[in-house]
Amino acid sequence: MDSPTTPATIGPGEFFPVVGVGPHPLPHPTDPHFDSELLLNGDRRNVLDRYRYWSVEAIVADLNTKRHKLQIAIENWQHDLNIGSIVRTANAFNVSGVHIIGKRDWNKRGAMVTDRYLSVTHHPTVEDFAAWCSKNKLPIIGIDNMPGSLQLESAKLPENCVLLFGQEGSGMSEEALAVCDVLYEINQYGSTRSMNASAAGAIAMYHWALQHLPR
């Protein structure tokens, strides 16, 4: 069986790592969580080794047994290209769900198909999103460097909450700011006014994880 990073030749003396594993040795396992095509042809997906040869449905079912209480929301008024990266990070932290507010369509390229492994819910308006959060008793934690924002670094975040991120560049809309229970900013030490939205998402999720997930 191939190792997870088998080198493949791309030119004289040049190699690049091939992700995943090749065809499974015979006889193939018959457990229902395995995908027959992956067993036959190999599994080159970007998944943990423990999920090699598993079907997408089986992976999702397993992840659903250990979802964390954190949820993520992103405003999407201009087809923000950072949404895919935030979804990918949300998958890495195995959050309960991702919420897209605004336009239904978003650029999924940055998600690297990780959107298949978690729930992505669309809300046409901020009002609709806020109503959903109220119904499910989830506080909305806004992340944006606005006047009056508190420091995220010293914040104690609820275990059960939604982290809301605004549009790249313009930040959170006035409507989104109005529905937040609290607003936090990430300290910055350089000259730029704001950092990339997907980077901010990763920092905020990690800050939550340090408080609520076992090492």
C-alpha atoms as a PDB file:
ATOM      1  CA  MET A   1       0.000   0.000   0.000  1.00  0.00           C
ATOM      2  CA  ASP A   2       1.270   3.489  -0.779  1.00  0.00           C
ATOM      3  CA  SER A   3       2.313   5.713   2.088  1.00  0.00           C
ATOM      4  CA  PRO A   4       0.293   8.932   2.655  1.00  0.00           C
ATOM      5  CA  THR A   5       2.987  10.948   0.853  1.00  0.00           C
ATOM      6  CA  THR A   6       4.251   8.723  -1.934  1.00  0.00           C
ATOM      7  CA  PRO A   7       6.595  10.698  -4.251  1.00  0.00           C
ATOM      8  CA  ALA A   8       5.536  10.971  -7.887  1.00  0.00           C
ATOM      9  CA  THR A   9       7.853  12.000 -10.704  1.00  0.00           C
ATOM     10  CA  ILE A  10       6.923  15.158 -12.652  1.00  0.00           C
ATOM     11  CA  GLY A  11      10.165  15.660 -14.559  1.00  0.00           C
ATOM     12  CA  PRO A  12      13.814  14.611 -14.576  1.00  0.00           C
ATOM     13  CA  GLY A  13      14.917  14.614 -10.967  1.00  0.00           C
ATOM     14  CA  GLU A  14      11.720  16.334  -9.783  1.00  0.00           C
ATOM     15  CA  PHE A  15       9.186  14.913  -7.361  1.00  0.00           C
ATOM     16  CA  PHE A  16       6.029  16.057  -5.582  1.00  0.00           C
ATOM     17  CA  PRO A  17       4.212  14.254  -2.759  1.00  0.00           C
ATOM     18  CA  VAL A  18       1.061  12.363  -3.705  1.00  0.00           C
ATOM     19  CA  VAL A  19      -1.512  12.674  -0.940  1.00  0.00           C
ATOM     20  CA  GLY A  20      -3.318   9.592   0.271  1.00  0.00           C
ATOM     21  CA  VAL A  21      -3.017   5.893  -0.476  1.00  0.00           C
ATOM     22  CA  GLY A  22      -3.294   3.631  -3.501  1.00  0.00           C
ATOM     23  CA  PRO A  23      -5.641   0.656  -4.009  1.00  0.00           C
ATOM     24  CA  HIS A  24      -6.268  -1.392  -0.890  1.00  0.00           C
ATOM     25  CA  PRO A  25      -4.577  -4.830  -0.852  1.00  0.00           C
ATOM     26  CA  LEU A  26      -6.828  -7.803  -1.469  1.00  0.00           C
ATOM     27  CA  PRO A  27      -9.003  -9.063   0.057  1.00  0.00           C
ATOM     28  CA  HIS A  28     -10.931  -5.816   0.522  1.00  0.00           C
ATOM     29  CA  PRO A  29     -12.574  -5.187   3.903  1.00  0.00           C
ATOM     30  CA  THR A  30     -16.351  -5.524   3.861  1.00  0.00           C
ATOM     31  CA  ASP A  31     -17.306  -3.131   6.663  1.00  0.00           C
ATOM     32  CA  PRO A  32     -20.198  -0.900   5.486  1.00  0.00           C
ATOM     33  CA  HIS A  33     -18.304   2.361   6.084  1.00  0.00           C
ATOM     34  CA  PHE A  34     -15.825   1.561   3.308  1.00  0.00           C
ATOM     35  CA  ASP A  35     -16.311   2.848  -0.256  1.00  0.00           C
ATOM     36  CA  SER A  36     -15.813   0.077  -2.842  1.00  0.00           C
ATOM     37  CA  GLU A  37     -14.470   2.453  -5.519  1.00  0.00           C
ATOM     38  CA  LEU A  38     -11.909   3.949  -3.140  1.00  0.00           C
ATOM     39  CA  LEU A  39     -10.798   0.472  -2.078  1.00  0.00           C
ATOM     40  CA  LEU A  40     -10.334  -0.436  -5.729  1.00  0.00           C
ATOM     41  CA  ASN A  41      -8.737   2.757  -7.040  1.00  0.00           C
ATOM     42  CA  GLY A  42      -7.104   4.352  -4.015  1.00  0.00           C
ATOM     43  CA  ASP A  43      -7.992   7.304  -1.797  1.00  0.00           C
ATOM     44  CA  ARG A  44      -6.258  10.602  -2.622  1.00  0.00           C
ATOM     45  CA  ARG A  45      -8.627  12.846  -0.654  1.00  0.00           C
ATOM     46  CA  ASN A  46      -7.457  15.319   1.967  1.00  0.00           C
ATOM     47  CA  VAL A  47      -8.789  13.355   4.931  1.00  0.00           C
ATOM     48  CA  LEU A  48      -7.285  11.996   8.128  1.00  0.00           C
ATOM     49  CA  ASP A  49      -5.622   8.606   7.787  1.00  0.00           C
ATOM     50  CA  ARG A  50      -8.297   7.009   9.997  1.00  0.00           C
ATOM     51  CA  TYR A  51     -10.866   7.907   7.333  1.00  0.00           C
ATOM     52  CA  ARG A  52      -8.988   6.393   4.400  1.00  0.00           C
ATOM     53  CA  TYR A  53     -11.311   4.442   2.082  1.00  0.00           C
ATOM     54  CA  TRP A  54     -14.391   5.563   4.039  1.00  0.00           C
ATOM     55  CA  SER A  55     -17.382   6.882   2.116  1.00  0.00           C
ATOM     56  CA  VAL A  56     -18.295  10.558   2.571  1.00  0.00           C
ATOM     57  CA  GLU A  57     -21.544   9.509   4.237  1.00  0.00           C
ATOM     58  CA  ALA A  58     -19.693   7.306   6.736  1.00  0.00           C
ATOM     59  CA  ILE A  59     -17.241  10.094   7.583  1.00  0.00           C
ATOM     60  CA  VAL A  60     -20.071  12.579   8.132  1.00  0.00           C
ATOM     61  CA  ALA A  61     -21.930  10.090  10.322  1.00  0.00           C
ATOM     62  CA  ASP A  62     -18.832   9.598  12.468  1.00  0.00           C
ATOM     63  CA  LEU A  63     -18.156  13.341  12.730  1.00  0.00           C
ATOM     64  CA  ASN A  64     -21.778  13.895  13.737  1.00  0.00           C
ATOM     65  CA  THR A  65     -21.211  11.786  16.861  1.00  0.00           C
ATOM     66  CA  LYS A  66     -18.618  14.265  18.136  1.00  0.00           C
ATOM     67  CA  ARG A  67     -19.532  17.695  16.772  1.00  0.00           C
ATOM     68  CA  HIS A  68     -18.427  20.609  18.913  1.00  0.00           C
ATOM     69  CA  LYS A  69     -20.913  23.205  20.123  1.00  0.00           C
ATOM     70  CA  LEU A  70     -19.325  26.069  18.203  1.00  0.00           C
ATOM     71  CA  GLN A  71     -21.019  27.361  15.042  1.00  0.00           C
ATOM     72  CA  ILE A  72     -19.684  29.780  12.421  1.00  0.00           C
ATOM     73  CA  ALA A  73     -21.496  32.459  10.396  1.00  0.00           C
ATOM     74  CA  ILE A  74     -20.221  34.586   7.512  1.00  0.00           C
ATOM     75  CA  GLU A  75     -21.821  37.481   5.668  1.00  0.00           C
ATOM     76  CA  ASN A  76     -21.724  36.973   1.893  1.00  0.00           C
ATOM     77  CA  TRP A  77     -22.917  40.089   0.103  1.00  0.00           C
ATOM     78  CA  GLN A  78     -20.162  40.190  -2.556  1.00  0.00           C
ATOM     79  CA  HIS A  79     -19.340  36.495  -3.128  1.00  0.00           C
ATOM     80  CA  ASP A  80     -16.477  36.698  -0.644  1.00  0.00           C
ATOM     81  CA  LEU A  81     -13.618  34.416  -1.745  1.00  0.00           C
ATOM     82  CA  ASN A  82     -12.577  33.888   1.884  1.00  0.00           C
ATOM     83  CA  ILE A  83     -15.683  31.894   2.750  1.00  0.00           C
ATOM     84  CA  GLY A  84     -14.204  28.680   1.366  1.00  0.00           C
ATOM     85  CA  SER A  85     -11.163  29.010   3.622  1.00  0.00           C
ATOM     86  CA  ILE A  86     -13.323  29.707   6.667  1.00  0.00           C
ATOM     87  CA  VAL A  87     -15.447  26.625   5.894  1.00  0.00           C
ATOM     88  CA  ARG A  88     -12.289  24.543   5.622  1.00  0.00           C
ATOM     89  CA  THR A  89     -11.103  25.780   9.030  1.00  0.00           C
ATOM     90  CA  ALA A  90     -14.560  25.137  10.495  1.00  0.00           C
ATOM     91  CA  ASN A  91     -14.254  21.533   9.315  1.00  0.00           C
ATOM     92  CA  ALA A  92     -10.851  21.263  10.987  1.00  0.00           C
ATOM     93  CA  PHE A  93     -12.468  22.217  14.312  1.00  0.00           C
ATOM     94  CA  ASN A  94     -15.491  19.973  13.618  1.00  0.00           C
ATOM     95  CA  VAL A  95     -18.003  22.719  14.374  1.00  0.00           C
ATOM     96  CA  SER A  96     -21.722  22.003  14.519  1.00  0.00           C
ATOM     97  CA  GLY A  97     -22.483  24.051  11.424  1.00  0.00           C
ATOM     98  CA  VAL A  98     -21.676  26.976   9.140  1.00  0.00           C
ATOM     99  CA  HIS A  99     -24.163  29.715   8.246  1.00  0.00           C
ATOM    100  CA  ILE A 100     -23.916  31.794   5.068  1.00  0.00           C
ATOM    101  CA  ILE A 101     -25.822  35.088   5.342  1.00  0.00           C
ATOM    102  CA  GLY A 102     -26.754  36.924   2.143  1.00  0.00           C
ATOM    103  CA  LYS A 103     -26.036  35.462  -1.277  1.00  0.00           C
ATOM    104  CA  ARG A 104     -26.645  31.733  -1.508  1.00  0.00           C
ATOM    105  CA  ASP A 105     -23.780  31.135  -3.940  1.00  0.00           C
ATOM    106  CA  TRP A 106     -20.215  31.275  -2.697  1.00  0.00           C
ATOM    107  CA  ASN A 107     -16.823  30.289  -4.109  1.00  0.00           C
ATOM    108  CA  LYS A 108     -16.274  26.738  -2.854  1.00  0.00           C
ATOM    109  CA  ARG A 109     -12.814  26.307  -4.296  1.00  0.00           C
ATOM    110  CA  GLY A 110     -11.086  27.362  -1.077  1.00  0.00           C
ATOM    111  CA  ALA A 111     -13.139  24.873   0.931  1.00  0.00           C
ATOM    112  CA  MET A 112     -11.319  21.967  -0.751  1.00  0.00           C
ATOM    113  CA  VAL A 113     -14.622  19.965  -0.671  1.00  0.00           C
ATOM    114  CA  THR A 114     -14.701  20.147   3.152  1.00  0.00           C
ATOM    115  CA  ASP A 115     -18.233  21.563   2.871  1.00  0.00           C
ATOM    116  CA  ARG A 116     -19.329  17.967   2.228  1.00  0.00           C
ATOM    117  CA  TYR A 117     -18.439  17.047   5.791  1.00  0.00           C
ATOM    118  CA  LEU A 118     -20.451  19.625   7.729  1.00  0.00           C
ATOM    119  CA  SER A 119     -23.811  21.374   7.644  1.00  0.00           C
ATOM    120  CA  VAL A 120     -23.931  24.631   5.646  1.00  0.00           C
ATOM    121  CA  THR A 121     -27.143  26.634   6.174  1.00  0.00           C
ATOM    122  CA  HIS A 122     -28.186  29.642   4.089  1.00  0.00           C
ATOM    123  CA  HIS A 123     -29.920  32.682   5.590  1.00  0.00           C
ATOM    124  CA  PRO A 124     -31.116  35.287   3.068  1.00  0.00           C
ATOM    125  CA  THR A 125     -30.991  38.107   5.618  1.00  0.00           C
ATOM    126  CA  VAL A 126     -29.354  38.975   8.924  1.00  0.00           C
ATOM    127  CA  GLU A 127     -32.837  39.080  10.438  1.00  0.00           C
ATOM    128  CA  ASP A 128     -33.459  35.474   9.421  1.00  0.00           C
ATOM    129  CA  PHE A 129     -30.105  34.398  10.880  1.00  0.00           C
ATOM    130  CA  ALA A 130     -30.738  36.248  14.148  1.00  0.00           C
ATOM    131  CA  ALA A 131     -34.175  34.625  14.467  1.00  0.00           C
ATOM    132  CA  TRP A 132     -32.595  31.185  14.028  1.00  0.00           C
ATOM    133  CA  CYS A 133     -30.013  31.933  16.719  1.00  0.00           C
ATOM    134  CA  SER A 134     -32.714  33.207  19.083  1.00  0.00           C
ATOM    135  CA  LYS A 135     -34.819  30.097  18.538  1.00  0.00           C
ATOM    136  CA  ASN A 136     -31.809  27.886  19.285  1.00  0.00           C
ATOM    137  CA  LYS A 137     -30.669  30.040  22.235  1.00  0.00           C
ATOM    138  CA  LEU A 138     -27.245  30.714  20.705  1.00  0.00           C
ATOM    139  CA  PRO A 139     -25.437  33.977  21.528  1.00  0.00           C
ATOM    140  CA  ILE A 140     -23.960  35.753  18.500  1.00  0.00           C
ATOM    141  CA  ILE A 141     -20.298  36.691  18.988  1.00  0.00           C
ATOM    142  CA  GLY A 142     -19.149  39.230  16.387  1.00  0.00           C
ATOM    143  CA  ILE A 143     -15.504  39.374  15.315  1.00  0.00           C
ATOM    144  CA  ASP A 144     -14.543  42.745  13.852  1.00  0.00           C
ATOM    145  CA  ASN A 145     -12.205  45.612  14.692  1.00  0.00           C
ATOM    146  CA  MET A 146     -14.835  48.269  15.241  1.00  0.00           C
ATOM    147  CA  PRO A 147     -14.852  51.159  17.724  1.00  0.00           C
ATOM    148  CA  GLY A 148     -15.932  49.730  21.057  1.00  0.00           C
ATOM    149  CA  SER A 149     -14.823  46.163  20.270  1.00  0.00           C
ATOM    150  CA  LEU A 150     -13.375  44.259  23.218  1.00  0.00           C
ATOM    151  CA  GLN A 151     -10.125  42.303  23.038  1.00  0.00           C
ATOM    152  CA  LEU A 152     -10.606  38.725  21.886  1.00  0.00           C
ATOM    153  CA  GLU A 153      -7.332  37.668  23.543  1.00  0.00           C
ATOM    154  CA  SER A 154      -8.751  38.248  27.024  1.00  0.00           C
ATOM    155  CA  ALA A 155     -12.308  37.103  26.260  1.00  0.00           C
ATOM    156  CA  LYS A 156     -13.993  34.064  27.782  1.00  0.00           C
ATOM    157  CA  LEU A 157     -16.190  32.708  24.990  1.00  0.00           C
ATOM    158  CA  PRO A 158     -19.319  30.622  25.642  1.00  0.00           C
ATOM    159  CA  GLU A 159     -18.978  26.990  24.660  1.00  0.00           C
ATOM    160  CA  ASN A 160     -22.329  27.101  22.888  1.00  0.00           C
ATOM    161  CA  CYS A 161     -22.232  30.095  20.536  1.00  0.00           C
ATOM    162  CA  VAL A 162     -21.978  31.398  16.962  1.00  0.00           C
ATOM    163  CA  LEU A 163     -18.928  33.347  15.795  1.00  0.00           C
ATOM    164  CA  LEU A 164     -20.008  35.863  13.152  1.00  0.00           C
ATOM    165  CA  PHE A 165     -17.583  37.289  10.582  1.00  0.00           C
ATOM    166  CA  GLY A 166     -18.200  40.139   8.176  1.00  0.00           C
ATOM    167  CA  GLN A 167     -17.352  40.729   4.546  1.00  0.00           C
ATOM    168  CA  GLU A 168     -13.701  41.002   3.584  1.00  0.00           C
ATOM    169  CA  GLY A 169     -12.693  44.657   3.377  1.00  0.00           C
ATOM    170  CA  SER A 170     -15.959  46.297   4.411  1.00  0.00           C
ATOM    171  CA  GLY A 171     -16.350  44.253   7.589  1.00  0.00           C
ATOM    172  CA  MET A 172     -19.656  43.491   9.263  1.00  0.00           C
ATOM    173  CA  SER A 173     -22.791  45.241   8.068  1.00  0.00           C
ATOM    174  CA  GLU A 174     -24.731  47.586  10.341  1.00  0.00           C
ATOM    175  CA  GLU A 175     -27.484  44.964  10.509  1.00  0.00           C
ATOM    176  CA  ALA A 176     -25.019  42.298  11.651  1.00  0.00           C
ATOM    177  CA  LEU A 177     -23.438  44.561  14.250  1.00  0.00           C
ATOM    178  CA  ALA A 178     -26.882  45.244  15.694  1.00  0.00           C
ATOM    179  CA  VAL A 179     -27.661  41.556  16.361  1.00  0.00           C
ATOM    180  CA  CYS A 180     -24.353  40.702  18.066  1.00  0.00           C
ATOM    181  CA  ASP A 181     -24.459  40.033  21.798  1.00  0.00           C
ATOM    182  CA  VAL A 182     -20.843  41.182  22.018  1.00  0.00           C
ATOM    183  CA  LEU A 183     -18.140  42.302  19.604  1.00  0.00           C
ATOM    184  CA  TYR A 184     -14.469  41.323  19.810  1.00  0.00           C
ATOM    185  CA  GLU A 185     -11.416  42.364  17.850  1.00  0.00           C
ATOM    186  CA  ILE A 186      -8.052  40.652  17.308  1.00  0.00           C
ATOM    187  CA  ASN A 187      -5.107  42.787  18.388  1.00  0.00           C
ATOM    188  CA  GLN A 188      -2.869  43.836  15.509  1.00  0.00           C
ATOM    189  CA  TYR A 189       0.626  45.248  15.705  1.00  0.00           C
ATOM    190  CA  GLY A 190       1.474  46.348  12.170  1.00  0.00           C
ATOM    191  CA  SER A 191       0.308  49.082   9.819  1.00  0.00           C
ATOM    192  CA  THR A 192      -2.646  47.423   8.098  1.00  0.00           C
ATOM    193  CA  ARG A 193      -6.141  48.263   9.315  1.00  0.00           C
ATOM    194  CA  SER A 194      -7.519  44.737   9.085  1.00  0.00           C
ATOM    195  CA  MET A 195      -6.387  41.196   8.464  1.00  0.00           C
ATOM    196  CA  ASN A 196      -7.698  38.634   5.995  1.00  0.00           C
ATOM    197  CA  ALA A 197     -11.151  37.369   6.998  1.00  0.00           C
ATOM    198  CA  SER A 198     -10.164  33.696   6.763  1.00  0.00           C
ATOM    199  CA  ALA A 199      -7.112  34.335   8.971  1.00  0.00           C
ATOM    200  CA  ALA A 200      -9.312  36.085  11.530  1.00  0.00           C
ATOM    201  CA  GLY A 201     -11.669  33.121  11.429  1.00  0.00           C
ATOM    202  CA  ALA A 202      -8.877  30.665  12.166  1.00  0.00           C
ATOM    203  CA  ILE A 203      -7.589  32.757  15.077  1.00  0.00           C
ATOM    204  CA  ALA A 204     -11.045  33.123  16.628  1.00  0.00           C
ATOM    205  CA  MET A 205     -11.859  29.418  16.287  1.00  0.00           C
ATOM    206  CA  TYR A 206      -8.536  28.475  17.855  1.00  0.00           C
ATOM    207  CA  HIS A 207      -9.152  30.889  20.733  1.00  0.00           C
ATOM    208  CA  TRP A 208     -12.499  29.155  21.358  1.00  0.00           C
ATOM    209  CA  ALA A 209     -10.872  25.716  21.110  1.00  0.00           C
ATOM    210  CA  LEU A 210      -8.188  26.564  23.673  1.00  0.00           C
ATOM    211  CA  GLN A 211     -10.962  27.223  26.180  1.00  0.00           C
ATOM    212  CA  HIS A 212     -13.308  24.349  25.438  1.00  0.00           C
ATOM    213  CA  LEU A 213     -11.502  21.417  23.788  1.00  0.00           C
ATOM    214  CA  PRO A 214      -9.177  18.924  25.478  1.00  0.00           C
ATOM    215  CA  ARG A 215      -5.515  19.039  24.553  1.00  0.00           C
END
